[in-house]
C-alpha atoms as a PDB file:
ATOM      1  CA  MET A   1      61.275 -47.488  26.571  1.00  0.00           C
ATOM      2  CA  ASP A   2      64.916 -47.407  27.566  1.00  0.00           C
ATOM      3  CA  LYS A   3      67.279 -45.295  25.602  1.00  0.00           C
ATOM      4  CA  GLY A   4      67.903 -47.215  22.414  1.00  0.00           C
ATOM      5  CA  ASN A   5      70.412 -46.805  19.659  1.00  0.00           C
ATOM      6  CA  ILE A   6      71.334 -43.191  19.197  1.00  0.00           C
ATOM      7  CA  HIS A   7      72.293 -42.166  15.691  1.00  0.00           C
ATOM      8  CA  HIS A   8      74.451 -39.100  15.198  1.00  0.00           C
ATOM      9  CA  HIS A   9      74.279 -37.099  11.996  1.00  0.00           C
ATOM     10  CA  HIS A  10      76.644 -34.268  11.265  1.00  0.00           C
ATOM     11  CA  THR A  11      75.044 -32.866   8.148  1.00  0.00           C
ATOM     12  CA  GLY A  12      75.239 -29.098   8.116  1.00  0.00           C
ATOM     13  CA  LYS A  13      71.885 -28.547   6.472  1.00  0.00           C
ATOM     14  CA  SER A  14      69.801 -30.383   9.071  1.00  0.00           C
ATOM     15  CA  HIS A  15      71.691 -28.591  11.857  1.00  0.00           C
ATOM     16  CA  LYS A  16      71.069 -25.222  10.311  1.00  0.00           C
ATOM     17  CA  SER A  17      67.356 -25.846   9.868  1.00  0.00           C
ATOM     18  CA  CYS A  18      67.267 -27.058  13.467  1.00  0.00           C
ATOM     19  CA  VAL A  19      69.035 -24.064  14.980  1.00  0.00           C
ATOM     20  CA  SER A  20      67.212 -21.530  12.794  1.00  0.00           C
ATOM     21  CA  LEU A  21      63.851 -23.004  13.896  1.00  0.00           C
ATOM     22  CA  VAL A  22      64.382 -21.880  17.469  1.00  0.00           C
ATOM     23  CA  PRO A  23      63.046 -18.437  18.417  1.00  0.00           C
ATOM     24  CA  MET A  24      66.081 -17.720  20.583  1.00  0.00           C
ATOM     25  CA  PHE A  25      68.444 -18.219  17.621  1.00  0.00           C
ATOM     26  CA  ASN A  26      66.423 -17.294  14.530  1.00  0.00           C
ATOM     27  CA  HIS A  27      67.250 -13.578  14.763  1.00  0.00           C
ATOM     28  CA  LEU A  28      70.990 -14.206  14.376  1.00  0.00           C
ATOM     29  CA  GLU A  29      72.983 -13.614  11.209  1.00  0.00           C
ATOM     30  CA  ASP A  30      73.972 -16.581   9.037  1.00  0.00           C
ATOM     31  CA  GLU A  31      77.553 -16.372  10.235  1.00  0.00           C
ATOM     32  CA  GLN A  32      76.448 -16.571  13.880  1.00  0.00           C
ATOM     33  CA  LEU A  33      74.055 -19.427  13.100  1.00  0.00           C
ATOM     34  CA  ASP A  34      76.901 -21.310  11.423  1.00  0.00           C
ATOM     35  CA  GLU A  35      78.973 -20.913  14.571  1.00  0.00           C
ATOM     36  CA  ILE A  36      76.231 -22.299  16.816  1.00  0.00           C
ATOM     37  CA  MET A  37      75.534 -25.012  14.274  1.00  0.00           C
ATOM     38  CA  GLY A  38      79.151 -26.157  14.513  1.00  0.00           C
ATOM     39  CA  ALA A  39      78.655 -26.986  18.200  1.00  0.00           C
ATOM     40  CA  THR A  40      75.426 -28.894  17.583  1.00  0.00           C
ATOM     41  CA  GLN A  41      74.944 -32.617  17.096  1.00  0.00           C
ATOM     42  CA  SER A  42      71.858 -34.268  15.661  1.00  0.00           C
ATOM     43  CA  VAL A  43      70.372 -37.282  17.469  1.00  0.00           C
ATOM     44  CA  SER A  44      67.463 -39.497  16.384  1.00  0.00           C
ATOM     45  CA  TYR A  45      64.981 -41.263  18.659  1.00  0.00           C
ATOM     46  CA  LYS A  46      62.302 -43.789  17.803  1.00  0.00           C
ATOM     47  CA  LYS A  47      58.660 -43.488  18.854  1.00  0.00           C
ATOM     48  CA  ASN A  48      58.234 -44.116  22.627  1.00  0.00           C
ATOM     49  CA  GLU A  49      61.992 -43.951  23.231  1.00  0.00           C
ATOM     50  CA  LEU A  50      63.069 -42.026  26.325  1.00  0.00           C
ATOM     51  CA  ILE A  51      65.355 -39.093  25.567  1.00  0.00           C
ATOM     52  CA  TYR A  52      66.208 -38.657  29.236  1.00  0.00           C
ATOM     53  CA  HIS A  53      65.015 -39.915  32.628  1.00  0.00           C
ATOM     54  CA  ALA A  54      64.437 -38.022  35.872  1.00  0.00           C
ATOM     55  CA  GLY A  55      67.724 -38.223  37.759  1.00  0.00           C
ATOM     56  CA  ASP A  56      69.895 -38.197  34.622  1.00  0.00           C
ATOM     57  CA  GLU A  57      72.603 -35.547  34.503  1.00  0.00           C
ATOM     58  CA  SER A  58      71.348 -32.433  32.748  1.00  0.00           C
ATOM     59  CA  ASP A  59      74.161 -31.015  30.646  1.00  0.00           C
ATOM     60  CA  SER A  60      72.649 -30.135  27.259  1.00  0.00           C
ATOM     61  CA  LEU A  61      69.945 -28.124  25.563  1.00  0.00           C
ATOM     62  CA  TYR A  62      67.665 -30.349  23.448  1.00  0.00           C
ATOM     63  CA  ILE A  63      66.061 -28.640  20.449  1.00  0.00           C
ATOM     64  CA  ILE A  64      63.275 -30.478  18.615  1.00  0.00           C
ATOM     65  CA  ASN A  65      64.087 -30.539  14.900  1.00  0.00           C
ATOM     66  CA  LYS A  66      61.420 -33.000  13.696  1.00  0.00           C
ATOM     67  CA  GLY A  67      58.801 -34.937  15.614  1.00  0.00           C
ATOM     68  CA  LYS A  68      57.082 -34.469  18.971  1.00  0.00           C
ATOM     69  CA  VAL A  69      58.222 -34.924  22.580  1.00  0.00           C
ATOM     70  CA  ARG A  70      56.228 -35.205  25.794  1.00  0.00           C
ATOM     71  CA  ILE A  71      57.718 -33.961  29.064  1.00  0.00           C
ATOM     72  CA  TYR A  72      56.183 -35.568  32.140  1.00  0.00           C
ATOM     73  CA  ARG A  73      56.833 -36.178  35.813  1.00  0.00           C
ATOM     74  CA  LEU A  74      55.975 -39.163  37.960  1.00  0.00           C
ATOM     75  CA  ALA A  75      54.207 -38.676  41.280  1.00  0.00           C
ATOM     76  CA  GLU A  76      55.203 -40.872  44.236  1.00  0.00           C
ATOM     77  CA  SER A  77      52.133 -42.956  43.438  1.00  0.00           C
ATOM     78  CA  GLY A  78      53.637 -43.636  40.005  1.00  0.00           C
ATOM     79  CA  LYS A  79      50.963 -41.540  38.292  1.00  0.00           C
ATOM     80  CA  GLU A  80      52.116 -39.478  35.316  1.00  0.00           C
ATOM     81  CA  GLN A  81      51.691 -35.718  35.231  1.00  0.00           C
ATOM     82  CA  LEU A  82      52.128 -34.250  31.773  1.00  0.00           C
ATOM     83  CA  VAL A  83      54.117 -30.993  31.938  1.00  0.00           C
ATOM     84  CA  ARG A  84      54.175 -29.981  28.274  1.00  0.00           C
ATOM     85  CA  ILE A  85      54.370 -31.247  24.706  1.00  0.00           C
ATOM     86  CA  LEU A  86      57.203 -29.997  22.505  1.00  0.00           C
ATOM     87  CA  ASN A  87      57.003 -29.515  18.732  1.00  0.00           C
ATOM     88  CA  PRO A  88      59.697 -28.552  16.183  1.00  0.00           C
ATOM     89  CA  GLY A  89      61.465 -25.366  17.309  1.00  0.00           C
ATOM     90  CA  ASP A  90      60.698 -26.006  21.008  1.00  0.00           C
ATOM     91  CA  PHE A  91      63.401 -26.996  23.459  1.00  0.00           C
ATOM     92  CA  THR A  92      63.981 -28.644  26.825  1.00  0.00           C
ATOM     93  CA  GLY A  93      66.915 -29.108  29.202  1.00  0.00           C
ATOM     94  CA  GLU A  94      67.286 -25.355  29.649  1.00  0.00           C
ATOM     95  CA  MET A  95      68.144 -25.679  33.344  1.00  0.00           C
ATOM     96  CA  ALA A  96      71.500 -27.070  32.196  1.00  0.00           C
ATOM     97  CA  LEU A  97      72.360 -23.628  30.827  1.00  0.00           C
ATOM     98  CA  PHE A  98      73.007 -22.197  34.256  1.00  0.00           C
ATOM     99  CA  SER A  99      74.128 -24.924  36.608  1.00  0.00           C
ATOM    100  CA  GLU A 100      75.066 -28.552  36.902  1.00  0.00           C
ATOM    101  CA  SER A 101      71.866 -30.346  37.737  1.00  0.00           C
ATOM    102  CA  THR A 102      69.815 -33.462  37.103  1.00  0.00           C
ATOM    103  CA  HIS A 103      66.592 -33.746  35.132  1.00  0.00           C
ATOM    104  CA  GLU A 104      63.472 -33.632  37.276  1.00  0.00           C
ATOM    105  CA  SER A 105      61.218 -34.942  34.536  1.00  0.00           C
ATOM    106  CA  TYR A 106      61.136 -37.487  31.724  1.00  0.00           C
ATOM    107  CA  ALA A 107      61.283 -36.697  28.007  1.00  0.00           C
ATOM    108  CA  GLU A 108      59.776 -39.237  25.616  1.00  0.00           C
ATOM    109  CA  ALA A 109      59.561 -39.193  21.807  1.00  0.00           C
ATOM    110  CA  MET A 110      55.857 -39.429  20.856  1.00  0.00           C
ATOM    111  CA  VAL A 111      56.762 -40.186  17.217  1.00  0.00           C
ATOM    112  CA  ASN A 112      60.101 -40.755  15.454  1.00  0.00           C
ATOM    113  CA  THR A 113      61.981 -37.620  16.449  1.00  0.00           C
ATOM    114  CA  LYS A 114      65.168 -35.793  15.541  1.00  0.00           C
ATOM    115  CA  ILE A 115      66.795 -33.569  18.153  1.00  0.00           C
ATOM    116  CA  CYS A 116      69.708 -31.132  18.049  1.00  0.00           C
ATOM    117  CA  LEU A 117      71.917 -31.193  21.135  1.00  0.00           C
ATOM    118  CA  ILE A 118      74.100 -28.337  22.366  1.00  0.00           C
ATOM    119  CA  LYS A 119      76.350 -28.926  25.383  1.00  0.00           C
ATOM    120  CA  ARG A 120      76.247 -26.533  28.351  1.00  0.00           C
ATOM    121  CA  SER A 121      79.805 -25.265  27.933  1.00  0.00           C
ATOM    122  CA  ASP A 122      79.249 -24.382  24.272  1.00  0.00           C
ATOM    123  CA  LEU A 123      75.920 -22.727  24.955  1.00  0.00           C
ATOM    124  CA  GLN A 124      77.263 -20.649  27.828  1.00  0.00           C
ATOM    125  CA  GLU A 125      79.904 -19.279  25.463  1.00  0.00           C
ATOM    126  CA  PHE A 126      77.188 -18.216  23.021  1.00  0.00           C
ATOM    127  CA  LEU A 127      75.142 -16.577  25.797  1.00  0.00           C
ATOM    128  CA  VAL A 128      78.142 -14.430  26.744  1.00  0.00           C
ATOM    129  CA  LYS A 129      79.010 -13.676  23.125  1.00  0.00           C
ATOM    130  CA  TYR A 130      75.472 -12.910  21.941  1.00  0.00           C
ATOM    131  CA  PRO A 131      73.474 -11.101  24.652  1.00  0.00           C
ATOM    132  CA  SER A 132      70.367 -11.116  22.424  1.00  0.00           C
ATOM    133  CA  VAL A 133      70.249 -14.917  22.816  1.00  0.00           C
ATOM    134  CA  SER A 134      70.439 -14.543  26.620  1.00  0.00           C
ATOM    135  CA  LEU A 135      67.447 -12.175  26.540  1.00  0.00           C
ATOM    136  CA  LYS A 136      65.435 -14.648  24.472  1.00  0.00           C
ATOM    137  CA  VAL A 137      66.257 -17.443  26.945  1.00  0.00           C
ATOM    138  CA  ILE A 138      65.121 -15.265  29.868  1.00  0.00           C
ATOM    139  CA  ALA A 139      61.882 -14.443  28.034  1.00  0.00           C
ATOM    140  CA  GLU A 140      61.223 -18.158  27.478  1.00  0.00           C
ATOM    141  CA  PHE A 141      61.941 -18.900  31.162  1.00  0.00           C
ATOM    142  CA  SER A 142      59.480 -16.189  32.132  1.00  0.00           C
ATOM    143  CA  ASN A 143      56.766 -17.669  29.862  1.00  0.00           C
ATOM    144  CA  ARG A 144      57.270 -21.156  31.282  1.00  0.00           C
ATOM    145  CA  LEU A 145      57.183 -19.924  34.865  1.00  0.00           C
ATOM    146  CA  GLU A 146      53.949 -18.042  34.197  1.00  0.00           C
ATOM    147  CA  ALA A 147      52.372 -21.122  32.559  1.00  0.00           C
ATOM    148  CA  SER A 148      53.502 -23.336  35.441  1.00  0.00           C
ATOM    149  CA  GLU A 149      52.084 -20.967  38.070  1.00  0.00           C
ATOM    150  CA  LYS A 150      48.804 -20.724  36.172  1.00  0.00           C
ATOM    151  CA  GLN A 151      48.541 -24.518  35.972  1.00  0.00           C
ATOM    152  CA  THR A 152      49.327 -24.936  39.689  1.00  0.00           C
ATOM    153  CA  THR A 153      46.711 -22.352  40.657  1.00  0.00           C
ATOM    154  CA  ARG A 154      44.083 -24.045  38.522  1.00  0.00           C
ATOM    155  CA  PHE A 155      44.744 -27.434  40.064  1.00  0.00           C
ATOM    156  CA  SER A 156      44.202 -26.052  43.539  1.00  0.00           C
ATOM    157  CA  THR A 157      41.316 -23.654  42.951  1.00  0.00           C
ATOM    158  CA  GLU A 158      39.255 -24.621  39.911  1.00  0.00           C
ATOM    159  CA  LYS A 159      36.959 -27.527  39.186  1.00  0.00           C
ATOM    160  CA  VAL A 160      37.814 -29.869  36.309  1.00  0.00           C
ATOM    161  CA  GLU A 161      35.077 -28.459  34.068  1.00  0.00           C
ATOM    162  CA  THR A 162      36.529 -24.946  34.401  1.00  0.00           C
ATOM    163  CA  ARG A 163      40.054 -26.202  33.697  1.00  0.00           C
ATOM    164  CA  ILE A 164      38.807 -27.853  30.490  1.00  0.00           C
ATOM    165  CA  ALA A 165      36.833 -24.764  29.397  1.00  0.00           C
ATOM    166  CA  LEU A 166      39.840 -22.469  29.953  1.00  0.00           C
ATOM    167  CA  TYR A 167      42.132 -24.870  28.095  1.00  0.00           C
ATOM    168  CA  LEU A 168      39.764 -24.886  25.102  1.00  0.00           C
ATOM    169  CA  ALA A 169      39.513 -21.079  25.123  1.00  0.00           C
ATOM    170  CA  GLU A 170      43.309 -20.750  25.281  1.00  0.00           C
ATOM    171  CA  SER A 171      43.771 -23.277  22.452  1.00  0.00           C
ATOM    172  CA  LEU A 172      41.538 -21.106  20.276  1.00  0.00           C
ATOM    173  CA  ASP A 173      43.580 -18.055  21.215  1.00  0.00           C
ATOM    174  CA  GLN A 174      46.895 -19.789  20.390  1.00  0.00           C
ATOM    175  CA  GLU A 175      45.640 -20.763  16.923  1.00  0.00           C
ATOM    176  CA  GLY A 176      45.188 -17.023  16.466  1.00  0.00           C
ATOM    177  CA  THR A 177      43.722 -17.105  12.975  1.00  0.00           C
ATOM    178  CA  GLY A 178      40.388 -15.531  13.800  1.00  0.00           C
ATOM    179  CA  THR A 179      38.741 -18.917  13.303  1.00  0.00           C
ATOM    180  CA  ILE A 180      36.470 -20.555  15.839  1.00  0.00           C
ATOM    181  CA  GLU A 181      37.823 -24.020  15.130  1.00  0.00           C
ATOM    182  CA  PHE A 182      41.059 -25.682  16.222  1.00  0.00           C
ATOM    183  CA  THR A 183      42.651 -29.107  16.564  1.00  0.00           C
ATOM    184  CA  LEU A 184      43.537 -30.373  20.037  1.00  0.00           C
ATOM    185  CA  SER A 185      47.323 -30.346  20.403  1.00  0.00           C
ATOM    186  CA  MET A 186      47.314 -33.597  22.382  1.00  0.00           C
ATOM    187  CA  SER A 187      45.323 -36.796  22.849  1.00  0.00           C
ATOM    188  CA  LYS A 188      42.538 -36.915  25.431  1.00  0.00           C
ATOM    189  CA  LYS A 189      44.742 -39.216  27.525  1.00  0.00           C
ATOM    190  CA  ASP A 190      47.533 -36.610  27.574  1.00  0.00           C
ATOM    191  CA  LEU A 191      45.044 -33.794  28.084  1.00  0.00           C
ATOM    192  CA  ALA A 192      43.654 -35.638  31.108  1.00  0.00           C
ATOM    193  CA  SER A 193      47.161 -35.954  32.560  1.00  0.00           C
ATOM    194  CA  TYR A 194      47.872 -32.288  31.828  1.00  0.00           C
ATOM    195  CA  LEU A 195      44.646 -31.121  33.507  1.00  0.00           C
ATOM    196  CA  GLY A 196      44.819 -33.543  36.428  1.00  0.00           C
ATOM    197  CA  THR A 197      41.828 -35.734  35.617  1.00  0.00           C
ATOM    198  CA  THR A 198      40.953 -38.944  33.697  1.00  0.00           C
ATOM    199  CA  PRO A 199      40.323 -39.530  29.956  1.00  0.00           C
ATOM    200  CA  GLU A 200      36.780 -40.673  30.829  1.00  0.00           C
ATOM    201  CA  THR A 201      36.095 -37.375  32.607  1.00  0.00           C
ATOM    202  CA  ILE A 202      37.513 -35.404  29.658  1.00  0.00           C
ATOM    203  CA  SER A 203      35.202 -37.229  27.216  1.00  0.00           C
ATOM    204  CA  ARG A 204      32.189 -36.808  29.520  1.00  0.00           C
ATOM    205  CA  LYS A 205      32.845 -33.090  30.080  1.00  0.00           C
ATOM    206  CA  PHE A 206      33.366 -32.493  26.333  1.00  0.00           C
ATOM    207  CA  ASN A 207      29.973 -34.122  25.710  1.00  0.00           C
ATOM    208  CA  ASP A 208      28.400 -31.994  28.475  1.00  0.00           C
ATOM    209  CA  LEU A 209      29.839 -28.793  26.980  1.00  0.00           C
ATOM    210  CA  GLU A 210      28.528 -29.845  23.562  1.00  0.00           C
ATOM    211  CA  GLU A 211      25.039 -30.590  24.903  1.00  0.00           C
ATOM    212  CA  ARG A 212      24.976 -27.170  26.565  1.00  0.00           C
ATOM    213  CA  GLY A 213      25.780 -25.525  23.230  1.00  0.00           C
ATOM    214  CA  TYR A 214      29.264 -24.208  24.064  1.00  0.00           C
ATOM    215  CA  ILE A 215      31.315 -26.404  21.714  1.00  0.00           C
ATOM    216  CA  LYS A 216      30.888 -28.805  18.791  1.00  0.00           C
ATOM    217  CA  GLN A 217      33.117 -31.861  18.395  1.00  0.00           C
ATOM    218  CA  ILE A 218      33.677 -32.005  14.637  1.00  0.00           C
ATOM    219  CA  THR A 219      36.061 -34.973  14.808  1.00  0.00           C
ATOM    220  CA  HIS A 220      37.838 -36.746  17.668  1.00  0.00           C
ATOM    221  CA  LYS A 221      40.392 -33.903  17.943  1.00  0.00           C
ATOM    222  CA  ARG A 222      38.818 -31.048  15.942  1.00  0.00           C
ATOM    223  CA  ILE A 223      36.774 -28.688  18.116  1.00  0.00           C
ATOM    224  CA  LYS A 224      34.552 -25.756  17.173  1.00  0.00           C
ATOM    225  CA  ILE A 225      33.786 -23.099  19.793  1.00  0.00           C
ATOM    226  CA  VAL A 226      30.120 -22.185  19.432  1.00  0.00           C
ATOM    227  CA  ASP A 227      29.698 -19.905  22.471  1.00  0.00           C
ATOM    228  CA  LEU A 228      33.006 -18.561  23.774  1.00  0.00           C
ATOM    229  CA  ASP A 229      31.419 -16.195  26.311  1.00  0.00           C
ATOM    230  CA  GLY A 230      29.363 -19.034  27.741  1.00  0.00           C
ATOM    231  CA  LEU A 231      32.397 -21.327  27.820  1.00  0.00           C
ATOM    232  CA  LEU A 232      34.391 -18.790  29.815  1.00  0.00           C
ATOM    233  CA  LEU A 233      31.647 -18.691  32.467  1.00  0.00           C
ATOM    234  CA  VAL A 234      31.657 -22.474  33.037  1.00  0.00           C
END
């Protein structure tokens, strides 16, 4: 799981698709995108390869172009705590935008992944030049802080069953298509880490919720919400 061979690609097209995927850049004009693209390098990682370790110098923004990345921390006991999963268009390393720092978490490619890297110095120039990008970055910071506070509160105040029920309700909301079905965005092992419990407990609680008529497990990862009001009262 050490950092393996890193392959750099400097093809304009893949850079452009990468940069234009990101909400904080996709409102810019083509000319502005081209400028940002010029400061971007494309890096490939194999499945299970670490993109960075806790303690590594944080000096770049990492934008997911293709693939999937898990961000996690290690407790003193060595136990993993999943922080978030990143998909194409998501980014990490944003703390590097404002100060010289080190990573506090680990980033690992869950599948073969392609990432676009932008160095701090280049990005800071863009933030000064294009204030709209700065506003988008602040909005993303605000969202992450809110999600982090919500997760911390849940860990300290809510029982596991409630955490699971709220996660399922929020997953339905994020799908936002008016449907009552959705696919879990992570494995039960990762979900257990994210919610501070064990995979066995996740499976048991899912079965309990199904028996009580709140959800239906269509496949291993496909869930149907049968009684949302009931689920929210768990």
